[in-house]
């Protein structure tokens, strides 16, 4: 687990810890359901914690699933540009850390007269474990 206790409020730490233990992306209401016994009763509390965790780069949102995961890359600087490989069967998410992706999108954007600023890339397929089960 990353050492971020000094930066987080109690609610942020509770949400982060739950996401850290999860094997799949969690939706906000699933998070709320799983942490109600710890004192968080309002969806707004969960969303505030998630917003702060995303700003800190500790949590990423999987847009297509409207769900959240912890960042697995230490020293992650991907606050706005993220790339993920997502298994269609087991929901395993792998974050891709490759500066070449942003460079590629910047080059393509320039070709079409757009100034590149960020991206959210989600690539779906079968992970090795699920592929071997078939």
Protein backbone atom coordinates (compact mmCIF):
# COMPACT_ATOMS: atom_id res chain seq x y z
CA UNK A 1 0.00 0.00 0.00
CA UNK A 2 1.20 3.49 -0.79
CA UNK A 3 2.12 5.71 2.13
CA UNK A 4 -0.39 8.54 1.79
CA UNK A 5 -2.00 8.66 5.24
CA UNK A 6 -0.64 12.13 6.03
CA UNK A 7 -2.40 13.65 2.99
CA UNK A 8 -5.83 12.07 3.38
CA UNK A 9 -8.87 12.82 5.51
CA UNK A 10 -10.56 9.97 7.37
CA UNK A 11 -13.20 9.59 4.62
CA UNK A 12 -10.62 9.68 1.85
CA UNK A 13 -8.57 7.01 3.60
CA UNK A 14 -11.63 4.78 4.07
CA UNK A 15 -12.51 5.02 0.37
CA UNK A 16 -8.89 4.54 -0.71
CA UNK A 17 -8.46 1.46 1.52
CA UNK A 18 -11.60 -0.17 0.11
CA UNK A 19 -10.49 0.47 -3.48
CA UNK A 20 -6.99 -0.77 -2.67
CA UNK A 21 -8.43 -4.12 -1.51
CA UNK A 22 -10.76 -4.52 -4.48
CA UNK A 23 -9.85 -6.76 -7.40
CA UNK A 24 -12.11 -4.83 -9.77
CA UNK A 25 -13.30 -1.27 -10.36
CA UNK A 26 -16.01 -0.15 -7.93
CA UNK A 27 -18.92 2.20 -8.56
CA UNK A 28 -19.58 4.99 -6.06
CA UNK A 29 -22.74 3.41 -4.67
CA UNK A 30 -20.97 0.07 -4.24
CA UNK A 31 -18.27 1.93 -2.30
CA UNK A 32 -20.92 3.58 -0.14
CA UNK A 33 -22.65 0.25 0.54
CA UNK A 34 -19.36 -1.32 1.65
CA UNK A 35 -18.30 1.51 3.99
CA UNK A 36 -21.54 2.60 5.65
CA UNK A 37 -20.56 0.84 8.88
CA UNK A 38 -17.51 3.12 9.03
CA UNK A 39 -19.66 6.23 9.33
CA UNK A 40 -20.04 7.32 5.72
CA UNK A 41 -23.76 7.50 5.00
CA UNK A 42 -24.02 10.00 2.14
CA UNK A 43 -23.19 9.58 -1.55
CA UNK A 44 -21.83 13.13 -1.43
CA UNK A 45 -19.19 12.04 1.10
CA UNK A 46 -18.04 9.29 -1.25
CA UNK A 47 -17.96 11.57 -4.29
CA UNK A 48 -15.99 14.24 -2.41
CA UNK A 49 -13.45 11.64 -1.30
CA UNK A 50 -13.18 10.22 -4.84
CA UNK A 51 -12.74 13.70 -6.35
CA UNK A 52 -9.86 14.48 -3.98
CA UNK A 53 -8.24 11.08 -4.50
CA UNK A 54 -8.39 11.59 -8.27
CA UNK A 55 -6.83 15.07 -7.94
CA UNK A 56 -4.02 13.52 -5.91
CA UNK A 57 -3.49 10.90 -8.64
CA UNK A 58 -4.21 8.06 -6.21
CA UNK A 59 -7.45 6.93 -7.89
CA UNK A 60 -8.49 6.73 -11.54
CA UNK A 61 -11.96 6.62 -13.04
CA UNK A 62 -12.82 3.97 -15.61
CA UNK A 63 -15.19 6.13 -17.64
CA UNK A 64 -16.93 3.36 -19.56
CA UNK A 65 -17.87 1.61 -16.32
CA UNK A 66 -18.37 4.77 -14.23
CA UNK A 67 -16.19 3.02 -11.66
CA UNK A 68 -12.97 3.70 -9.77
CA UNK A 69 -9.64 1.94 -9.14
CA UNK A 70 -6.50 2.83 -7.23
CA UNK A 71 -3.48 3.81 -9.21
CA UNK A 72 -1.00 0.94 -9.25
CA UNK A 73 1.92 3.00 -10.57
CA UNK A 74 4.09 4.59 -7.94
CA UNK A 75 5.01 8.14 -8.97
CA UNK A 76 2.02 8.26 -11.31
CA UNK A 77 1.61 11.63 -12.93
CA UNK A 78 -1.43 10.68 -15.01
CA UNK A 79 -3.94 13.10 -13.54
CA UNK A 80 -5.68 13.72 -16.85
CA UNK A 81 -4.29 11.29 -19.44
CA UNK A 82 -4.92 7.67 -18.63
CA UNK A 83 -4.71 4.40 -20.55
CA UNK A 84 -6.11 1.08 -19.38
CA UNK A 85 -6.35 -2.52 -20.56
CA UNK A 86 -9.61 -4.04 -19.26
CA UNK A 87 -10.58 -7.71 -19.31
CA UNK A 88 -14.11 -8.15 -20.64
CA UNK A 89 -14.63 -11.30 -18.59
CA UNK A 90 -13.12 -10.69 -15.12
CA UNK A 91 -12.91 -6.85 -15.13
CA UNK A 92 -9.18 -6.90 -14.32
CA UNK A 93 -7.74 -3.46 -15.08
CA UNK A 94 -4.12 -2.80 -15.99
CA UNK A 95 -2.94 0.79 -16.14
CA UNK A 96 -0.53 1.48 -18.98
CA UNK A 97 2.34 3.83 -18.19
CA UNK A 98 3.84 4.77 -21.54
CA UNK A 99 4.69 8.33 -22.61
CA UNK A 100 4.66 7.18 -26.23
CA UNK A 101 0.86 7.03 -26.15
CA UNK A 102 0.53 10.74 -25.34
CA UNK A 103 3.19 11.56 -27.94
CA UNK A 104 1.27 9.54 -30.53
CA UNK A 105 -2.02 11.28 -29.73
CA UNK A 106 -0.27 14.64 -29.87
CA UNK A 107 1.14 13.83 -33.32
CA UNK A 108 -2.24 12.61 -34.63
CA UNK A 109 -4.01 15.64 -33.14
CA UNK A 110 -1.57 18.02 -34.82
CA UNK A 111 -2.20 16.28 -38.14
CA UNK A 112 -5.90 17.14 -37.79
CA UNK A 113 -5.29 20.69 -36.51
CA UNK A 114 -6.15 19.98 -32.89
CA UNK A 115 -3.95 20.87 -29.96
CA UNK A 116 -3.73 17.71 -27.84
CA UNK A 117 -4.29 18.18 -24.10
CA UNK A 118 -5.36 14.82 -22.63
CA UNK A 119 -6.83 11.39 -23.27
CA UNK A 120 -8.70 8.57 -21.60
CA UNK A 121 -8.01 5.31 -23.40
CA UNK A 122 -9.77 2.08 -22.46
CA UNK A 123 -8.84 -1.04 -24.44
CA UNK A 124 -10.99 -4.16 -23.94
CA UNK A 125 -10.06 -7.79 -24.49
CA UNK A 126 -9.32 -10.97 -22.54
CA UNK A 127 -6.55 -11.11 -19.95
CA UNK A 128 -4.10 -14.01 -20.06
CA UNK A 129 -5.88 -15.90 -17.24
CA UNK A 130 -9.32 -15.64 -18.86
CA UNK A 131 -7.91 -16.48 -22.31
CA UNK A 132 -6.29 -19.63 -20.89
CA UNK A 133 -9.61 -20.70 -19.31
CA UNK A 134 -11.33 -20.74 -22.73
